[in-house]
Protein backbone atom coordinates (compact mmCIF):
# COMPACT_ATOMS: atom_id res chain seq x y z
CA UNK A 1 0.00 0.00 0.00
CA UNK A 2 2.88 2.38 0.72
CA UNK A 3 4.15 1.94 -2.85
CA UNK A 4 0.72 3.08 -4.12
CA UNK A 5 0.84 6.22 -1.94
CA UNK A 6 4.36 6.91 -3.18
CA UNK A 7 3.30 6.46 -6.82
CA UNK A 8 0.28 8.75 -6.38
CA UNK A 9 2.47 11.30 -4.60
CA UNK A 10 5.00 11.24 -7.44
CA UNK A 11 2.20 11.61 -9.99
CA UNK A 12 0.74 14.64 -8.20
CA UNK A 13 4.21 16.15 -7.78
CA UNK A 14 4.84 15.71 -11.50
CA UNK A 15 1.51 17.28 -12.40
CA UNK A 16 1.99 20.17 -9.97
CA UNK A 17 5.46 21.04 -11.23
CA UNK A 18 4.80 20.50 -14.94
CA UNK A 19 4.70 23.63 -17.06
CA UNK A 20 2.35 24.12 -19.93
CA UNK A 21 3.91 24.94 -23.32
CA UNK A 22 0.62 26.24 -24.68
CA UNK A 23 1.35 29.86 -23.81
CA UNK A 24 5.08 29.72 -24.52
CA UNK A 25 5.90 31.18 -27.94
CA UNK A 26 8.05 28.92 -30.12
CA UNK A 27 11.74 29.74 -30.28
CA UNK A 28 12.59 31.67 -33.43
CA UNK A 29 15.20 30.27 -35.76
CA UNK A 30 18.10 32.63 -36.49
CA UNK A 31 18.14 32.95 -40.29
CA UNK A 32 21.80 33.98 -40.47
CA UNK A 33 22.89 31.11 -38.24
CA UNK A 34 21.04 28.90 -40.72
CA UNK A 35 22.79 30.56 -43.67
CA UNK A 36 26.14 29.90 -42.00
CA UNK A 37 25.25 26.21 -41.75
CA UNK A 38 24.22 25.73 -45.38
CA UNK A 39 26.85 26.42 -48.07
CA UNK A 40 24.79 24.49 -50.63
CA UNK A 41 21.02 24.01 -50.66
CA UNK A 42 18.48 22.06 -52.68
CA UNK A 43 14.80 22.98 -52.91
CA UNK A 44 12.81 19.76 -52.96
CA UNK A 45 9.33 21.20 -52.64
CA UNK A 46 7.40 24.39 -53.33
CA UNK A 47 3.94 25.57 -52.39
CA UNK A 48 3.03 25.82 -56.08
CA UNK A 49 3.03 23.18 -58.78
CA UNK A 50 5.52 25.12 -60.91
CA UNK A 51 7.97 22.39 -61.94
CA UNK A 52 10.70 24.92 -62.75
CA UNK A 53 11.12 25.47 -58.99
CA UNK A 54 11.35 21.82 -57.98
CA UNK A 55 14.71 20.20 -57.24
CA UNK A 56 16.62 23.45 -57.60
CA UNK A 57 20.13 23.70 -56.28
CA UNK A 58 22.01 26.74 -55.07
CA UNK A 59 25.41 27.63 -53.71
CA UNK A 60 26.26 30.39 -51.26
CA UNK A 61 28.73 32.72 -52.97
CA UNK A 62 28.99 35.44 -50.31
CA UNK A 63 28.44 35.53 -46.55
CA UNK A 64 29.16 38.34 -44.08
CA UNK A 65 27.99 37.45 -40.56
CA UNK A 66 28.76 40.92 -39.16
CA UNK A 67 26.82 42.81 -41.85
CA UNK A 68 24.23 40.01 -41.96
CA UNK A 69 24.28 39.70 -45.72
CA UNK A 70 24.58 36.68 -47.96
CA UNK A 71 24.20 35.74 -51.59
CA UNK A 72 23.04 32.45 -53.08
CA UNK A 73 23.07 31.62 -56.78
CA UNK A 74 20.17 29.35 -57.73
CA UNK A 75 20.55 27.24 -60.86
CA UNK A 76 17.18 27.00 -62.60
CA UNK A 77 16.92 24.07 -64.93
CA UNK A 78 15.66 24.67 -68.43
CA UNK A 79 12.03 23.76 -69.06
CA UNK A 80 10.86 22.41 -72.39
CA UNK A 81 14.26 22.69 -74.02
CA UNK A 82 15.07 26.17 -72.69
CA UNK A 83 18.56 26.92 -71.44
CA UNK A 84 19.47 26.72 -67.76
CA UNK A 85 19.89 30.06 -66.04
CA UNK A 86 21.23 31.37 -62.77
CA UNK A 87 19.22 33.55 -60.40
CA UNK A 88 20.98 35.49 -57.65
CA UNK A 89 19.32 35.97 -54.26
CA UNK A 90 20.88 38.71 -52.12
CA UNK A 91 19.80 38.28 -48.51
CA UNK A 92 19.82 40.93 -45.78
CA UNK A 93 18.64 40.82 -42.18
CA UNK A 94 15.00 41.42 -41.38
CA UNK A 95 13.47 42.95 -38.26
CA UNK A 96 13.44 39.68 -36.29
CA UNK A 97 16.03 36.88 -36.12
CA UNK A 98 13.91 34.50 -38.22
CA UNK A 99 13.14 37.11 -40.90
CA UNK A 100 15.25 38.07 -43.92
CA UNK A 101 14.85 40.27 -46.99
CA UNK A 102 15.48 38.77 -50.42
CA UNK A 103 16.41 40.71 -53.55
CA UNK A 104 16.38 38.75 -56.81
CA UNK A 105 18.97 39.52 -59.50
CA UNK A 106 19.85 42.92 -57.96
CA UNK A 107 16.33 44.27 -58.61
CA UNK A 108 16.01 46.57 -55.58
CA UNK A 109 12.50 47.64 -56.62
CA UNK A 110 11.02 44.36 -55.37
CA UNK A 111 12.08 43.09 -51.95
CA UNK A 112 10.68 39.77 -50.78
CA UNK A 113 10.34 38.84 -47.11
CA UNK A 114 11.27 35.38 -45.92
CA UNK A 115 10.76 33.57 -42.64
CA UNK A 116 12.80 30.62 -41.44
CA UNK A 117 10.46 28.27 -39.59
CA UNK A 118 12.65 25.26 -38.85
CA UNK A 119 16.12 23.87 -39.30
CA UNK A 120 18.23 21.11 -37.84
CA UNK A 121 21.37 22.98 -39.07
CA UNK A 122 22.48 19.84 -40.94
CA UNK A 123 20.01 18.52 -43.50
CA UNK A 124 16.71 20.36 -43.33
CA UNK A 125 15.51 23.94 -43.62
CA UNK A 126 11.93 25.20 -43.95
CA UNK A 127 11.50 28.77 -45.18
CA UNK A 128 8.66 30.73 -46.73
CA UNK A 129 9.28 33.70 -49.00
CA UNK A 130 6.46 36.10 -49.79
């Protein structure tokens, strides 16, 4: 019987000291720490069905951790017999650690905003760019 009281006591102690994660905001991923981890990237999925954006590869050509800038060159494969082409993404820091600004092919008139949602800093990175 004493083991039952001990087990119930441990259960109540565990419940009383447990903290709820419901009201704790998720930790934000530092985009530039992620950029430092990935010299080369491959896009395996997109939110659209545009096949020209599937299985893309890119290489980081510039990275300045102090200035928080980076450049990746994406190699778009040719569709329907068209020639492959390179697209340059210049990345600068956003207003939060998980946010970054993306400029495509040095066109400063259109700045895209990206959010890094998840990374394991080795094999996987999930980002949205709007």
